[in-house]
Amino acid sequence: MRKDDIYADSQGPSPFEFNERVAAVFDDMIGRSVPGYRELIERLAQLCRYFYQPDSRIYDLGCSTGNLGLALCREMAGAPFRMVAVDSSRPMLDRYRERLPEGAYGEAMELVCGDVREQPLHDASVVVITLTLQFLPLADRDALLARVCRGLLPGGVLLLTEKVRQADPALENLQQEFYYRFKRERGYSELEISQKREALENVLIPETIDAHQQRLARAGFRSCDLWFKWFNFASLLARKEAP
């Protein structure tokens, strides 16, 4: 695993993008930037198996380098499944493809380079969106989740994980303080933290948990559970009603 040193040297402002350089260090970057990431991926894979309906599909919208897909292969332990993994970054998908296991599980996963907002959803029992909605324009988020709800089979679920913010300024400051402490503890310098923050400004736009829950309700989901939270990272499970 290559170490993330992209922001170790002083550099001019440039918006963050999922290019070849990021894809090469992504696993180190995400593990040192998202609290509980490994645990989150394992639990998401378990939830995918729990809610997967025979002869349906799991969609991973914003799949990056395939950590969820590989975890799902381990979790399914020989049971058949189908997954469609979508990402707009070809370098990230190239890295995913390199990691795919040979044999049946490699064949079970379809990798699609495209915009998650345009991906058709067919026979979906599980849709996973992990740290992806936050990179879409605010105006596009409602339409995507509404389309996900329509595309899910009855009883299907959306597993949504996002970086979140607090409406209360004092609590927001607390979240930021502990988040930057987390990054320092994992070896990031003040320069790296500062430059990454600047690169993500106006690229990653977080929202409150309440805003996400309201959007899920507008999309047509009737039940929603906040099942994981670490300060400014949260995961929600939204279920489409069965007939």
C-alpha atoms as a PDB file:
ATOM      1  CA  MET A   1       0.000   0.000   0.000  1.00  0.00           C
ATOM      2  CA  ARG A   2       1.509   3.332  -1.062  1.00  0.00           C
ATOM      3  CA  LYS A   3       1.621   6.107   1.509  1.00  0.00           C
ATOM      4  CA  ASP A   4      -0.474   9.223   0.928  1.00  0.00           C
ATOM      5  CA  ASP A   5       2.011  12.102   0.652  1.00  0.00           C
ATOM      6  CA  ILE A   6       0.136  14.158  -1.940  1.00  0.00           C
ATOM      7  CA  TYR A   7      -0.076  17.248   0.270  1.00  0.00           C
ATOM      8  CA  ALA A   8       3.234  16.785   2.112  1.00  0.00           C
ATOM      9  CA  ASP A   9       4.924  19.585   0.131  1.00  0.00           C
ATOM     10  CA  SER A  10       3.729  23.153  -0.204  1.00  0.00           C
ATOM     11  CA  GLN A  11       1.744  23.671  -3.405  1.00  0.00           C
ATOM     12  CA  GLY A  12      -0.611  26.134  -4.984  1.00  0.00           C
ATOM     13  CA  PRO A  13      -4.388  25.805  -4.584  1.00  0.00           C
ATOM     14  CA  SER A  14      -5.935  23.144  -6.798  1.00  0.00           C
ATOM     15  CA  PRO A  15      -9.357  21.482  -6.417  1.00  0.00           C
ATOM     16  CA  PHE A  16      -9.301  17.883  -5.220  1.00  0.00           C
ATOM     17  CA  GLU A  17      -9.981  15.255  -7.865  1.00  0.00           C
ATOM     18  CA  PHE A  18      -9.901  11.472  -8.034  1.00  0.00           C
ATOM     19  CA  ASN A  19      -7.042  11.261 -10.510  1.00  0.00           C
ATOM     20  CA  GLU A  20      -4.266   8.696 -11.008  1.00  0.00           C
ATOM     21  CA  ARG A  21      -2.210  10.135  -8.177  1.00  0.00           C
ATOM     22  CA  VAL A  22      -5.082   9.834  -5.708  1.00  0.00           C
ATOM     23  CA  ALA A  23      -6.016   6.346  -6.943  1.00  0.00           C
ATOM     24  CA  ALA A  24      -2.472   5.136  -6.279  1.00  0.00           C
ATOM     25  CA  VAL A  25      -2.606   6.133  -2.591  1.00  0.00           C
ATOM     26  CA  PHE A  26      -6.357   5.944  -1.996  1.00  0.00           C
ATOM     27  CA  ASP A  27      -6.375   3.037   0.452  1.00  0.00           C
ATOM     28  CA  ASP A  28      -3.847   4.744   2.705  1.00  0.00           C
ATOM     29  CA  MET A  29      -5.607   8.102   2.320  1.00  0.00           C
ATOM     30  CA  ILE A  30      -9.067   6.818   3.189  1.00  0.00           C
ATOM     31  CA  GLY A  31      -7.854   4.736   6.120  1.00  0.00           C
ATOM     32  CA  ARG A  32      -6.072   7.738   7.628  1.00  0.00           C
ATOM     33  CA  SER A  33      -8.839  10.224   6.799  1.00  0.00           C
ATOM     34  CA  VAL A  34     -12.109   8.454   7.651  1.00  0.00           C
ATOM     35  CA  PRO A  35     -12.502   7.258  11.252  1.00  0.00           C
ATOM     36  CA  GLY A  36     -13.667   3.657  11.504  1.00  0.00           C
ATOM     37  CA  TYR A  37     -13.378   3.106   7.751  1.00  0.00           C
ATOM     38  CA  ARG A  38     -12.327  -0.563   7.899  1.00  0.00           C
ATOM     39  CA  GLU A  39     -15.068  -1.365  10.402  1.00  0.00           C
ATOM     40  CA  LEU A  40     -17.571   0.550   8.283  1.00  0.00           C
ATOM     41  CA  ILE A  41     -16.713  -1.408   5.127  1.00  0.00           C
ATOM     42  CA  GLU A  42     -17.012  -4.763   6.915  1.00  0.00           C
ATOM     43  CA  ARG A  43     -20.407  -3.847   8.365  1.00  0.00           C
ATOM     44  CA  LEU A  44     -21.635  -2.521   5.023  1.00  0.00           C
ATOM     45  CA  ALA A  45     -20.685  -5.826   3.410  1.00  0.00           C
ATOM     46  CA  GLN A  46     -22.602  -7.687   6.116  1.00  0.00           C
ATOM     47  CA  LEU A  47     -25.637  -5.464   5.611  1.00  0.00           C
ATOM     48  CA  CYS A  48     -25.449  -6.060   1.860  1.00  0.00           C
ATOM     49  CA  ARG A  49     -25.598  -9.789   2.431  1.00  0.00           C
ATOM     50  CA  TYR A  50     -28.396  -9.454   4.977  1.00  0.00           C
ATOM     51  CA  PHE A  51     -30.653  -7.460   2.646  1.00  0.00           C
ATOM     52  CA  TYR A  52     -29.626  -9.039  -0.660  1.00  0.00           C
ATOM     53  CA  GLN A  53     -32.559 -10.669  -2.424  1.00  0.00           C
ATOM     54  CA  PRO A  54     -31.958 -13.684  -4.729  1.00  0.00           C
ATOM     55  CA  ASP A  55     -31.591 -12.810  -8.425  1.00  0.00           C
ATOM     56  CA  SER A  56     -31.345  -9.085  -7.629  1.00  0.00           C
ATOM     57  CA  ARG A  57     -28.455  -6.634  -7.857  1.00  0.00           C
ATOM     58  CA  ILE A  58     -26.360  -4.643  -5.412  1.00  0.00           C
ATOM     59  CA  TYR A  59     -25.315  -1.213  -6.699  1.00  0.00           C
ATOM     60  CA  ASP A  60     -22.225   0.509  -5.316  1.00  0.00           C
ATOM     61  CA  LEU A  61     -22.522   4.106  -6.510  1.00  0.00           C
ATOM     62  CA  GLY A  62     -19.141   5.769  -6.118  1.00  0.00           C
ATOM     63  CA  CYS A  63     -17.257   2.507  -5.662  1.00  0.00           C
ATOM     64  CA  SER A  64     -13.717   4.003  -5.728  1.00  0.00           C
ATOM     65  CA  THR A  65     -11.057   1.237  -5.702  1.00  0.00           C
ATOM     66  CA  GLY A  66     -13.401  -1.560  -4.664  1.00  0.00           C
ATOM     67  CA  ASN A  67     -13.000  -1.984  -0.922  1.00  0.00           C
ATOM     68  CA  LEU A  68     -16.691  -2.749  -0.449  1.00  0.00           C
ATOM     69  CA  GLY A  69     -16.803  -5.141  -3.389  1.00  0.00           C
ATOM     70  CA  LEU A  70     -13.828  -7.107  -2.103  1.00  0.00           C
ATOM     71  CA  ALA A  71     -15.293  -7.205   1.407  1.00  0.00           C
ATOM     72  CA  LEU A  72     -18.562  -8.485  -0.053  1.00  0.00           C
ATOM     73  CA  CYS A  73     -16.737 -11.295  -1.853  1.00  0.00           C
ATOM     74  CA  ARG A  74     -15.369 -12.430   1.494  1.00  0.00           C
ATOM     75  CA  GLU A  75     -18.713 -12.007   3.222  1.00  0.00           C
ATOM     76  CA  MET A  76     -20.747 -13.953   0.670  1.00  0.00           C
ATOM     77  CA  ALA A  77     -18.455 -16.972   1.166  1.00  0.00           C
ATOM     78  CA  GLY A  78     -19.464 -18.783  -1.997  1.00  0.00           C
ATOM     79  CA  ALA A  79     -23.089 -17.642  -2.178  1.00  0.00           C
ATOM     80  CA  PRO A  80     -24.076 -16.186  -5.569  1.00  0.00           C
ATOM     81  CA  PHE A  81     -24.652 -12.461  -5.968  1.00  0.00           C
ATOM     82  CA  ARG A  82     -24.497  -9.698  -8.565  1.00  0.00           C
ATOM     83  CA  MET A  83     -22.998  -6.260  -8.038  1.00  0.00           C
ATOM     84  CA  VAL A  84     -22.792  -3.218 -10.313  1.00  0.00           C
ATOM     85  CA  ALA A  85     -19.971  -0.912  -9.199  1.00  0.00           C
ATOM     86  CA  VAL A  86     -20.051   2.620 -10.638  1.00  0.00           C
ATOM     87  CA  ASP A  87     -17.487   5.415 -10.495  1.00  0.00           C
ATOM     88  CA  SER A  88     -16.732   8.431 -12.671  1.00  0.00           C
ATOM     89  CA  SER A  89     -12.959   8.104 -12.156  1.00  0.00           C
ATOM     90  CA  ARG A  90     -11.317   5.704 -14.581  1.00  0.00           C
ATOM     91  CA  PRO A  91      -8.069   5.560 -12.551  1.00  0.00           C
ATOM     92  CA  MET A  92     -10.055   4.429  -9.515  1.00  0.00           C
ATOM     93  CA  LEU A  93     -11.809   1.748 -11.564  1.00  0.00           C
ATOM     94  CA  ASP A  94      -8.507   0.629 -13.073  1.00  0.00           C
ATOM     95  CA  ARG A  95      -7.215   0.047  -9.556  1.00  0.00           C
ATOM     96  CA  TYR A  96     -10.454  -1.810  -8.703  1.00  0.00           C
ATOM     97  CA  ARG A  97     -10.079  -4.038 -11.741  1.00  0.00           C
ATOM     98  CA  GLU A  98      -6.511  -4.946 -10.751  1.00  0.00           C
ATOM     99  CA  ARG A  99      -7.773  -6.112  -7.358  1.00  0.00           C
ATOM    100  CA  LEU A 100     -10.693  -8.223  -8.575  1.00  0.00           C
ATOM    101  CA  PRO A 101     -10.376 -11.908  -7.697  1.00  0.00           C
ATOM    102  CA  GLU A 102     -10.317 -14.439 -10.497  1.00  0.00           C
ATOM    103  CA  GLY A 103     -13.216 -16.800 -11.012  1.00  0.00           C
ATOM    104  CA  ALA A 104     -16.872 -16.519 -10.172  1.00  0.00           C
ATOM    105  CA  TYR A 105     -16.702 -13.484  -7.917  1.00  0.00           C
ATOM    106  CA  GLY A 106     -14.796 -11.465 -10.458  1.00  0.00           C
ATOM    107  CA  GLU A 107     -17.522 -12.328 -12.958  1.00  0.00           C
ATOM    108  CA  ALA A 108     -20.244 -11.400 -10.457  1.00  0.00           C
ATOM    109  CA  MET A 109     -19.167  -7.753 -10.436  1.00  0.00           C
ATOM    110  CA  GLU A 110     -19.759  -5.361 -13.297  1.00  0.00           C
ATOM    111  CA  LEU A 111     -17.578  -2.242 -13.250  1.00  0.00           C
ATOM    112  CA  VAL A 112     -19.061   0.840 -14.914  1.00  0.00           C
ATOM    113  CA  CYS A 113     -17.256   4.108 -15.591  1.00  0.00           C
ATOM    114  CA  GLY A 114     -19.961   6.739 -15.512  1.00  0.00           C
ATOM    115  CA  ASP A 115     -21.908   9.358 -13.620  1.00  0.00           C
ATOM    116  CA  VAL A 116     -23.832   7.884 -10.684  1.00  0.00           C
ATOM    117  CA  ARG A 117     -26.632  10.356 -11.437  1.00  0.00           C
ATOM    118  CA  GLU A 118     -27.223   8.653 -14.772  1.00  0.00           C
ATOM    119  CA  GLN A 119     -26.797   5.003 -13.790  1.00  0.00           C
ATOM    120  CA  PRO A 120     -29.925   2.905 -14.494  1.00  0.00           C
ATOM    121  CA  LEU A 121     -31.036   0.767 -11.565  1.00  0.00           C
ATOM    122  CA  HIS A 122     -32.573  -2.612 -12.348  1.00  0.00           C
ATOM    123  CA  ASP A 123     -33.747  -5.214  -9.821  1.00  0.00           C
ATOM    124  CA  ALA A 124     -31.875  -3.509  -6.993  1.00  0.00           C
ATOM    125  CA  SER A 125     -32.226  -4.914  -3.496  1.00  0.00           C
ATOM    126  CA  VAL A 126     -29.317  -2.894  -2.054  1.00  0.00           C
ATOM    127  CA  VAL A 127     -27.837   0.440  -3.119  1.00  0.00           C
ATOM    128  CA  VAL A 128     -24.683   1.676  -1.383  1.00  0.00           C
ATOM    129  CA  ILE A 129     -23.487   5.286  -1.560  1.00  0.00           C
ATOM    130  CA  THR A 130     -20.319   5.758   0.484  1.00  0.00           C
ATOM    131  CA  LEU A 131     -18.810   9.243   0.799  1.00  0.00           C
ATOM    132  CA  THR A 132     -20.076  10.110  -2.682  1.00  0.00           C
ATOM    133  CA  LEU A 133     -23.237  12.209  -2.364  1.00  0.00           C
ATOM    134  CA  GLN A 134     -21.136  14.921  -0.692  1.00  0.00           C
ATOM    135  CA  PHE A 135     -19.251  15.481  -3.961  1.00  0.00           C
ATOM    136  CA  LEU A 136     -22.410  16.091  -6.010  1.00  0.00           C
ATOM    137  CA  PRO A 137     -23.993  19.536  -6.415  1.00  0.00           C
ATOM    138  CA  LEU A 138     -26.647  20.139  -3.778  1.00  0.00           C
ATOM    139  CA  ALA A 139     -29.254  20.621  -6.496  1.00  0.00           C
ATOM    140  CA  ASP A 140     -28.685  17.072  -7.796  1.00  0.00           C
ATOM    141  CA  ARG A 141     -28.916  15.140  -4.545  1.00  0.00           C
ATOM    142  CA  ASP A 142     -32.694  14.920  -4.194  1.00  0.00           C
ATOM    143  CA  ALA A 143     -33.151  13.578  -7.714  1.00  0.00           C
ATOM    144  CA  LEU A 144     -30.525  10.872  -7.229  1.00  0.00           C
ATOM    145  CA  LEU A 145     -32.013   9.551  -3.989  1.00  0.00           C
ATOM    146  CA  ALA A 146     -35.531   9.662  -5.414  1.00  0.00           C
ATOM    147  CA  ARG A 147     -34.325   7.616  -8.379  1.00  0.00           C
ATOM    148  CA  VAL A 148     -32.628   5.160  -6.019  1.00  0.00           C
ATOM    149  CA  CYS A 149     -35.864   4.701  -4.096  1.00  0.00           C
ATOM    150  CA  ARG A 150     -37.811   4.085  -7.303  1.00  0.00           C
ATOM    151  CA  GLY A 151     -35.183   1.601  -8.480  1.00  0.00           C
ATOM    152  CA  LEU A 152     -35.191  -0.478  -5.314  1.00  0.00           C
ATOM    153  CA  LEU A 153     -37.275  -3.599  -4.997  1.00  0.00           C
ATOM    154  CA  PRO A 154     -39.864  -3.598  -2.172  1.00  0.00           C
ATOM    155  CA  GLY A 155     -38.010  -4.156   1.087  1.00  0.00           C
ATOM    156  CA  GLY A 156     -34.745  -2.991  -0.484  1.00  0.00           C
ATOM    157  CA  VAL A 157     -32.356  -0.661   1.292  1.00  0.00           C
ATOM    158  CA  LEU A 158     -30.105   2.308   0.683  1.00  0.00           C
ATOM    159  CA  LEU A 159     -26.898   2.398   2.748  1.00  0.00           C
ATOM    160  CA  LEU A 160     -25.728   6.011   2.785  1.00  0.00           C
ATOM    161  CA  THR A 161     -22.466   7.168   4.394  1.00  0.00           C
ATOM    162  CA  GLU A 162     -21.441  10.819   4.429  1.00  0.00           C
ATOM    163  CA  LYS A 163     -19.231  13.344   6.086  1.00  0.00           C
ATOM    164  CA  VAL A 164     -21.662  15.551   8.012  1.00  0.00           C
ATOM    165  CA  ARG A 165     -21.706  18.912   9.708  1.00  0.00           C
ATOM    166  CA  GLN A 166     -23.455  20.355  12.745  1.00  0.00           C
ATOM    167  CA  ALA A 167     -25.926  23.238  12.653  1.00  0.00           C
ATOM    168  CA  ASP A 168     -24.677  24.332  16.103  1.00  0.00           C
ATOM    169  CA  PRO A 169     -21.358  26.222  15.608  1.00  0.00           C
ATOM    170  CA  ALA A 170     -19.952  25.022  18.951  1.00  0.00           C
ATOM    171  CA  LEU A 171     -20.630  21.380  18.079  1.00  0.00           C
ATOM    172  CA  GLU A 172     -19.251  21.915  14.585  1.00  0.00           C
ATOM    173  CA  ASN A 173     -16.016  23.258  16.074  1.00  0.00           C
ATOM    174  CA  LEU A 174     -15.854  20.248  18.401  1.00  0.00           C
ATOM    175  CA  GLN A 175     -16.244  17.852  15.461  1.00  0.00           C
ATOM    176  CA  GLN A 176     -13.506  19.619  13.517  1.00  0.00           C
ATOM    177  CA  GLU A 177     -11.144  19.617  16.493  1.00  0.00           C
ATOM    178  CA  PHE A 178     -11.463  15.887  17.033  1.00  0.00           C
ATOM    179  CA  TYR A 179     -11.278  15.156  13.319  1.00  0.00           C
ATOM    180  CA  TYR A 180      -8.006  17.030  12.908  1.00  0.00           C
ATOM    181  CA  ARG A 181      -6.710  15.308  16.036  1.00  0.00           C
ATOM    182  CA  PHE A 182      -7.561  11.986  14.389  1.00  0.00           C
ATOM    183  CA  LYS A 183      -5.561  12.938  11.285  1.00  0.00           C
ATOM    184  CA  ARG A 184      -2.556  14.129  13.306  1.00  0.00           C
ATOM    185  CA  GLU A 185      -2.542  10.848  15.222  1.00  0.00           C
ATOM    186  CA  ARG A 186      -2.239   9.043  11.896  1.00  0.00           C
ATOM    187  CA  GLY A 187       0.786  11.006  10.780  1.00  0.00           C
ATOM    188  CA  TYR A 188      -0.614  13.897   8.769  1.00  0.00           C
ATOM    189  CA  SER A 189       1.198  17.195   9.279  1.00  0.00           C
ATOM    190  CA  GLU A 190      -0.465  20.554   9.800  1.00  0.00           C
ATOM    191  CA  LEU A 191       0.561  21.454   6.231  1.00  0.00           C
ATOM    192  CA  GLU A 192      -1.070  18.316   4.830  1.00  0.00           C
ATOM    193  CA  ILE A 193      -4.258  18.878   6.808  1.00  0.00           C
ATOM    194  CA  SER A 194      -4.464  22.521   5.754  1.00  0.00           C
ATOM    195  CA  GLN A 195      -3.765  21.909   2.063  1.00  0.00           C
ATOM    196  CA  LYS A 196      -6.218  18.980   1.855  1.00  0.00           C
ATOM    197  CA  ARG A 197      -8.891  21.150   3.493  1.00  0.00           C
ATOM    198  CA  GLU A 198      -8.294  23.906   0.930  1.00  0.00           C
ATOM    199  CA  ALA A 199      -8.365  21.429  -1.965  1.00  0.00           C
ATOM    200  CA  LEU A 200     -11.733  20.074  -0.817  1.00  0.00           C
ATOM    201  CA  GLU A 201     -13.333  23.465  -0.273  1.00  0.00           C
ATOM    202  CA  ASN A 202     -16.344  23.851  -2.588  1.00  0.00           C
ATOM    203  CA  VAL A 203     -15.705  20.301  -3.847  1.00  0.00           C
ATOM    204  CA  LEU A 204     -16.918  18.334  -0.822  1.00  0.00           C
ATOM    205  CA  ILE A 205     -20.044  19.971   0.635  1.00  0.00           C
ATOM    206  CA  PRO A 206     -21.305  18.222   3.787  1.00  0.00           C
ATOM    207  CA  GLU A 207     -24.798  18.538   5.210  1.00  0.00           C
ATOM    208  CA  THR A 208     -26.421  17.902   8.570  1.00  0.00           C
ATOM    209  CA  ILE A 209     -27.872  14.517   9.456  1.00  0.00           C
ATOM    210  CA  ASP A 210     -31.274  16.186   9.656  1.00  0.00           C
ATOM    211  CA  ALA A 211     -30.906  17.399   6.054  1.00  0.00           C
ATOM    212  CA  HIS A 212     -30.089  13.852   4.922  1.00  0.00           C
ATOM    213  CA  GLN A 213     -33.037  12.385   6.794  1.00  0.00           C
ATOM    214  CA  GLN A 214     -35.408  14.939   5.311  1.00  0.00           C
ATOM    215  CA  ARG A 215     -34.105  14.206   1.822  1.00  0.00           C
ATOM    216  CA  LEU A 216     -34.566  10.468   2.330  1.00  0.00           C
ATOM    217  CA  ALA A 217     -38.167  11.081   3.416  1.00  0.00           C
ATOM    218  CA  ARG A 218     -38.788  13.260   0.344  1.00  0.00           C
ATOM    219  CA  ALA A 219     -37.295  10.521  -1.831  1.00  0.00           C
ATOM    220  CA  GLY A 220     -39.939   8.082  -0.620  1.00  0.00           C
ATOM    221  CA  PHE A 221     -38.171   6.145   2.130  1.00  0.00           C
ATOM    222  CA  ARG A 222     -40.460   5.593   5.100  1.00  0.00           C
ATOM    223  CA  SER A 223     -37.963   4.226   7.616  1.00  0.00           C
ATOM    224  CA  CYS A 224     -34.424   5.393   8.338  1.00  0.00           C
ATOM    225  CA  ASP A 225     -31.866   4.441  10.971  1.00  0.00           C
ATOM    226  CA  LEU A 226     -28.637   6.214  11.923  1.00  0.00           C
ATOM    227  CA  TRP A 227     -26.564   3.107  12.617  1.00  0.00           C
ATOM    228  CA  PHE A 228     -23.036   4.527  12.722  1.00  0.00           C
ATOM    229  CA  LYS A 229     -21.614   7.889  13.758  1.00  0.00           C
ATOM    230  CA  TRP A 230     -18.169   9.202  14.639  1.00  0.00           C
ATOM    231  CA  PHE A 231     -18.304  12.969  15.176  1.00  0.00           C
ATOM    232  CA  ASN A 232     -18.499  14.259  11.581  1.00  0.00           C
ATOM    233  CA  PHE A 233     -19.021  10.921   9.791  1.00  0.00           C
ATOM    234  CA  ALA A 234     -22.345   9.116   9.722  1.00  0.00           C
ATOM    235  CA  SER A 235     -24.043   6.134   8.084  1.00  0.00           C
ATOM    236  CA  LEU A 236     -27.767   5.776   7.554  1.00  0.00           C
ATOM    237  CA  LEU A 237     -29.903   2.829   6.501  1.00  0.00           C
ATOM    238  CA  ALA A 238     -33.095   3.736   4.639  1.00  0.00           C
ATOM    239  CA  ARG A 239     -35.588   1.039   3.709  1.00  0.00           C
ATOM    240  CA  LYS A 240     -38.213   0.976   0.995  1.00  0.00           C
ATOM    241  CA  GLU A 241     -41.515  -0.336   2.254  1.00  0.00           C
ATOM    242  CA  ALA A 242     -42.522  -3.831   1.284  1.00  0.00           C
ATOM    243  CA  PRO A 243     -46.003  -4.186  -0.283  1.00  0.00           C
END
